[in-house]
Amino acid sequence: MKLPSTKPYLIRSIYEWCNECGYTPLLSVKAIPQVDFLADKIQNGEIIFNIHDSAVHNLVIGNDIISFSARFGGVAREVVFPTEAVKGIFAREVNQGIAFPENDAGSRSYIPEKSEIDDKNKLPKSGKPKSDKKSKASLRLVK
């Protein structure tokens, strides 16, 4: 039996620690082709999001998906990406937090297709895609 990842739990705990200490939580996310990130915000293959309560709305840190709405250049956008894309979370003021290792080439993880990310109806608040009882679950190898 495969154990669930500790990554989403660690992200949530560092996020809560930042809030309790009055720090600004920054989330480092790997730019992946399945997610339509703002191209001008991507540097060195990653994008840094300020996920402080004053910067984002409706933040959901689920086990599989992280989502929130925020303004970029005055334009409101919905941001949704897989938890596996998170490279780290840290407090801006003290530069403390946690960095996650890159996935091994042989590891398997759930990365949603762009159509799943775009269709908010397929993403319940738990952060997991709704499953149809008749369809079989499928995984794909992500390198």
C-alpha atoms as a PDB file:
ATOM      1  CA  MET A   1       0.000   0.000   0.000  1.00  0.00           C
ATOM      2  CA  LYS A   2       1.395   3.376  -1.001  1.00  0.00           C
ATOM      3  CA  LEU A   3       1.419   5.969   1.753  1.00  0.00           C
ATOM      4  CA  PRO A   4      -0.129   9.357   0.969  1.00  0.00           C
ATOM      5  CA  SER A   5       2.274  12.220   0.389  1.00  0.00           C
ATOM      6  CA  THR A   6       3.154  14.437   3.340  1.00  0.00           C
ATOM      7  CA  LYS A   7       3.681  17.405   1.008  1.00  0.00           C
ATOM      8  CA  PRO A   8       0.184  18.974   1.249  1.00  0.00           C
ATOM      9  CA  TYR A   9       0.231  18.660   5.042  1.00  0.00           C
ATOM     10  CA  LEU A  10       3.637  20.344   5.259  1.00  0.00           C
ATOM     11  CA  ILE A  11       2.489  23.134   2.925  1.00  0.00           C
ATOM     12  CA  ARG A  12      -0.562  23.763   5.112  1.00  0.00           C
ATOM     13  CA  SER A  13       1.496  23.737   8.312  1.00  0.00           C
ATOM     14  CA  ILE A  14       4.103  26.230   7.033  1.00  0.00           C
ATOM     15  CA  TYR A  15       1.263  28.402   5.685  1.00  0.00           C
ATOM     16  CA  GLU A  16      -0.400  28.432   9.128  1.00  0.00           C
ATOM     17  CA  TRP A  17       2.940  29.102  10.852  1.00  0.00           C
ATOM     18  CA  CYS A  18       3.506  32.126   8.571  1.00  0.00           C
ATOM     19  CA  ASN A  19       0.042  33.487   9.374  1.00  0.00           C
ATOM     20  CA  GLU A  20       0.436  32.986  13.138  1.00  0.00           C
ATOM     21  CA  CYS A  21       3.820  34.771  13.132  1.00  0.00           C
ATOM     22  CA  GLY A  22       2.608  37.619  10.915  1.00  0.00           C
ATOM     23  CA  TYR A  23       4.863  36.605   8.003  1.00  0.00           C
ATOM     24  CA  THR A  24       4.058  36.617   4.286  1.00  0.00           C
ATOM     25  CA  PRO A  25       3.873  33.038   2.944  1.00  0.00           C
ATOM     26  CA  LEU A  26       5.434  32.652  -0.506  1.00  0.00           C
ATOM     27  CA  LEU A  27       4.792  29.557  -2.576  1.00  0.00           C
ATOM     28  CA  SER A  28       7.395  28.482  -5.149  1.00  0.00           C
ATOM     29  CA  VAL A  29       5.716  26.538  -7.970  1.00  0.00           C
ATOM     30  CA  LYS A  30       7.337  24.737 -10.885  1.00  0.00           C
ATOM     31  CA  ALA A  31       6.028  26.021 -14.219  1.00  0.00           C
ATOM     32  CA  ILE A  32       4.414  23.020 -15.900  1.00  0.00           C
ATOM     33  CA  PRO A  33       2.826  22.931 -19.364  1.00  0.00           C
ATOM     34  CA  GLN A  34      -0.530  21.659 -18.019  1.00  0.00           C
ATOM     35  CA  VAL A  35      -1.082  24.975 -16.197  1.00  0.00           C
ATOM     36  CA  ASP A  36      -1.570  28.347 -17.870  1.00  0.00           C
ATOM     37  CA  PHE A  37       0.672  30.520 -15.696  1.00  0.00           C
ATOM     38  CA  LEU A  38       1.416  34.127 -16.588  1.00  0.00           C
ATOM     39  CA  ALA A  39       4.455  33.791 -18.851  1.00  0.00           C
ATOM     40  CA  ASP A  40       5.961  37.126 -17.768  1.00  0.00           C
ATOM     41  CA  LYS A  41       5.937  36.012 -14.105  1.00  0.00           C
ATOM     42  CA  ILE A  42       7.910  32.796 -14.708  1.00  0.00           C
ATOM     43  CA  GLN A  43      11.608  32.983 -13.840  1.00  0.00           C
ATOM     44  CA  ASN A  44      14.015  30.033 -13.997  1.00  0.00           C
ATOM     45  CA  GLY A  45      11.134  27.637 -14.639  1.00  0.00           C
ATOM     46  CA  GLU A  46       9.212  28.624 -11.531  1.00  0.00           C
ATOM     47  CA  ILE A  47       6.733  31.204 -10.337  1.00  0.00           C
ATOM     48  CA  ILE A  48       6.506  32.641  -6.821  1.00  0.00           C
ATOM     49  CA  PHE A  49       3.034  33.348  -5.440  1.00  0.00           C
ATOM     50  CA  ASN A  50       2.301  35.515  -2.416  1.00  0.00           C
ATOM     51  CA  ILE A  51      -0.481  33.509  -0.758  1.00  0.00           C
ATOM     52  CA  HIS A  52      -1.040  35.839   2.204  1.00  0.00           C
ATOM     53  CA  ASP A  53      -4.706  36.304   3.153  1.00  0.00           C
ATOM     54  CA  SER A  54      -4.575  39.898   1.912  1.00  0.00           C
ATOM     55  CA  ALA A  55      -3.193  38.852  -1.494  1.00  0.00           C
ATOM     56  CA  VAL A  56      -5.460  35.928  -2.426  1.00  0.00           C
ATOM     57  CA  HIS A  57      -9.090  34.885  -2.015  1.00  0.00           C
ATOM     58  CA  ASN A  58     -10.643  31.446  -1.648  1.00  0.00           C
ATOM     59  CA  LEU A  59      -7.311  29.699  -1.027  1.00  0.00           C
ATOM     60  CA  VAL A  60      -7.714  25.919  -0.973  1.00  0.00           C
ATOM     61  CA  ILE A  61      -4.658  23.793  -0.220  1.00  0.00           C
ATOM     62  CA  GLY A  62      -5.997  20.358  -1.040  1.00  0.00           C
ATOM     63  CA  ASN A  63      -4.144  17.070  -1.128  1.00  0.00           C
ATOM     64  CA  ASP A  64      -3.983  17.073  -4.940  1.00  0.00           C
ATOM     65  CA  ILE A  65      -4.828  20.621  -6.046  1.00  0.00           C
ATOM     66  CA  ILE A  66      -4.069  24.132  -4.800  1.00  0.00           C
ATOM     67  CA  SER A  67      -6.391  26.893  -5.973  1.00  0.00           C
ATOM     68  CA  PHE A  68      -7.013  30.567  -5.273  1.00  0.00           C
ATOM     69  CA  SER A  69      -8.050  33.767  -6.983  1.00  0.00           C
ATOM     70  CA  ALA A  70      -5.768  36.792  -7.111  1.00  0.00           C
ATOM     71  CA  ARG A  71      -5.131  39.965  -9.075  1.00  0.00           C
ATOM     72  CA  PHE A  72      -2.198  40.181 -11.462  1.00  0.00           C
ATOM     73  CA  GLY A  73      -1.629  43.632 -12.914  1.00  0.00           C
ATOM     74  CA  GLY A  74      -5.129  44.585 -11.778  1.00  0.00           C
ATOM     75  CA  VAL A  75      -6.759  41.644 -13.583  1.00  0.00           C
ATOM     76  CA  ALA A  76      -8.499  38.994 -11.461  1.00  0.00           C
ATOM     77  CA  ARG A  77      -7.506  35.409 -12.269  1.00  0.00           C
ATOM     78  CA  GLU A  78      -8.235  31.967 -10.961  1.00  0.00           C
ATOM     79  CA  VAL A  79      -5.049  30.002 -10.284  1.00  0.00           C
ATOM     80  CA  VAL A  80      -5.200  26.210 -10.034  1.00  0.00           C
ATOM     81  CA  PHE A  81      -2.263  23.814 -10.067  1.00  0.00           C
ATOM     82  CA  PRO A  82      -1.345  20.373  -8.715  1.00  0.00           C
ATOM     83  CA  THR A  83       0.238  20.157  -5.279  1.00  0.00           C
ATOM     84  CA  GLU A  84       3.041  18.130  -6.864  1.00  0.00           C
ATOM     85  CA  ALA A  85       4.177  21.278  -8.732  1.00  0.00           C
ATOM     86  CA  VAL A  86       5.059  23.043  -5.464  1.00  0.00           C
ATOM     87  CA  LYS A  87       8.813  23.376  -5.023  1.00  0.00           C
ATOM     88  CA  GLY A  88       8.656  25.022  -1.603  1.00  0.00           C
ATOM     89  CA  ILE A  89       6.925  27.385   0.784  1.00  0.00           C
ATOM     90  CA  PHE A  90       8.668  29.983   2.917  1.00  0.00           C
ATOM     91  CA  ALA A  91       8.204  33.194   4.889  1.00  0.00           C
ATOM     92  CA  ARG A  92       9.393  36.273   2.964  1.00  0.00           C
ATOM     93  CA  GLU A  93      10.506  38.209   6.036  1.00  0.00           C
ATOM     94  CA  VAL A  94      12.783  35.553   7.563  1.00  0.00           C
ATOM     95  CA  ASN A  95      13.396  33.324   4.509  1.00  0.00           C
ATOM     96  CA  GLN A  96      12.494  30.201   6.495  1.00  0.00           C
ATOM     97  CA  GLY A  97      10.259  27.401   5.313  1.00  0.00           C
ATOM     98  CA  ILE A  98      10.612  24.127   3.471  1.00  0.00           C
ATOM     99  CA  ALA A  99      11.853  23.115   0.028  1.00  0.00           C
ATOM    100  CA  PHE A 100      10.706  19.880  -1.542  1.00  0.00           C
ATOM    101  CA  PRO A 101      12.946  17.572  -3.593  1.00  0.00           C
ATOM    102  CA  GLU A 102      12.203  17.073  -7.270  1.00  0.00           C
ATOM    103  CA  ASN A 103      10.209  13.920  -8.014  1.00  0.00           C
ATOM    104  CA  ASP A 104      12.280  10.902  -8.969  1.00  0.00           C
ATOM    105  CA  ALA A 105      12.146   9.985 -12.647  1.00  0.00           C
ATOM    106  CA  GLY A 106      10.437   6.730 -11.752  1.00  0.00           C
ATOM    107  CA  SER A 107       7.838   8.143  -9.387  1.00  0.00           C
ATOM    108  CA  ARG A 108       4.222   8.466 -10.401  1.00  0.00           C
ATOM    109  CA  SER A 109       2.009  11.353  -9.440  1.00  0.00           C
ATOM    110  CA  TYR A 110      -1.326  12.791 -10.444  1.00  0.00           C
ATOM    111  CA  ILE A 111      -0.987  15.808 -12.737  1.00  0.00           C
ATOM    112  CA  PRO A 112      -4.361  16.972 -14.050  1.00  0.00           C
ATOM    113  CA  GLU A 113      -4.861  17.757 -17.723  1.00  0.00           C
ATOM    114  CA  LYS A 114      -5.382  21.408 -18.646  1.00  0.00           C
ATOM    115  CA  SER A 115      -9.067  20.742 -19.363  1.00  0.00           C
ATOM    116  CA  GLU A 116      -9.503  19.431 -15.799  1.00  0.00           C
ATOM    117  CA  ILE A 117      -7.839  22.510 -14.355  1.00  0.00           C
ATOM    118  CA  ASP A 118      -9.911  24.887 -16.489  1.00  0.00           C
ATOM    119  CA  ASP A 119     -13.202  23.216 -15.584  1.00  0.00           C
ATOM    120  CA  LYS A 120     -13.801  24.260 -11.975  1.00  0.00           C
ATOM    121  CA  ASN A 121     -16.831  21.916 -11.811  1.00  0.00           C
ATOM    122  CA  LYS A 122     -14.454  18.962 -11.813  1.00  0.00           C
ATOM    123  CA  LEU A 123     -12.571  20.245  -8.781  1.00  0.00           C
ATOM    124  CA  PRO A 124     -14.526  19.970  -5.537  1.00  0.00           C
ATOM    125  CA  LYS A 125     -13.381  21.851  -2.431  1.00  0.00           C
ATOM    126  CA  SER A 126     -11.390  18.811  -1.317  1.00  0.00           C
ATOM    127  CA  GLY A 127      -9.033  19.464  -4.213  1.00  0.00           C
ATOM    128  CA  LYS A 128      -9.595  16.046  -5.750  1.00  0.00           C
ATOM    129  CA  PRO A 129     -11.231  15.579  -9.138  1.00  0.00           C
ATOM    130  CA  LYS A 130     -14.729  14.165  -9.028  1.00  0.00           C
ATOM    131  CA  SER A 131     -14.728  10.558 -10.083  1.00  0.00           C
ATOM    132  CA  ASP A 132     -17.350   8.824 -12.134  1.00  0.00           C
ATOM    133  CA  LYS A 133     -18.164   5.427 -10.619  1.00  0.00           C
ATOM    134  CA  LYS A 134     -18.185   3.832 -14.083  1.00  0.00           C
ATOM    135  CA  SER A 135     -14.772   5.137 -15.155  1.00  0.00           C
ATOM    136  CA  LYS A 136     -11.508   3.590 -14.057  1.00  0.00           C
ATOM    137  CA  ALA A 137      -8.790   5.654 -12.428  1.00  0.00           C
ATOM    138  CA  SER A 138      -5.700   6.114 -14.487  1.00  0.00           C
ATOM    139  CA  LEU A 139      -2.224   7.343 -13.769  1.00  0.00           C
ATOM    140  CA  ARG A 140       0.368   8.553 -16.173  1.00  0.00           C
ATOM    141  CA  LEU A 141       4.109   8.683 -15.797  1.00  0.00           C
ATOM    142  CA  VAL A 142       5.449  12.201 -15.225  1.00  0.00           C
ATOM    143  CA  LYS A 143       9.157  12.738 -15.776  1.00  0.00           C
END
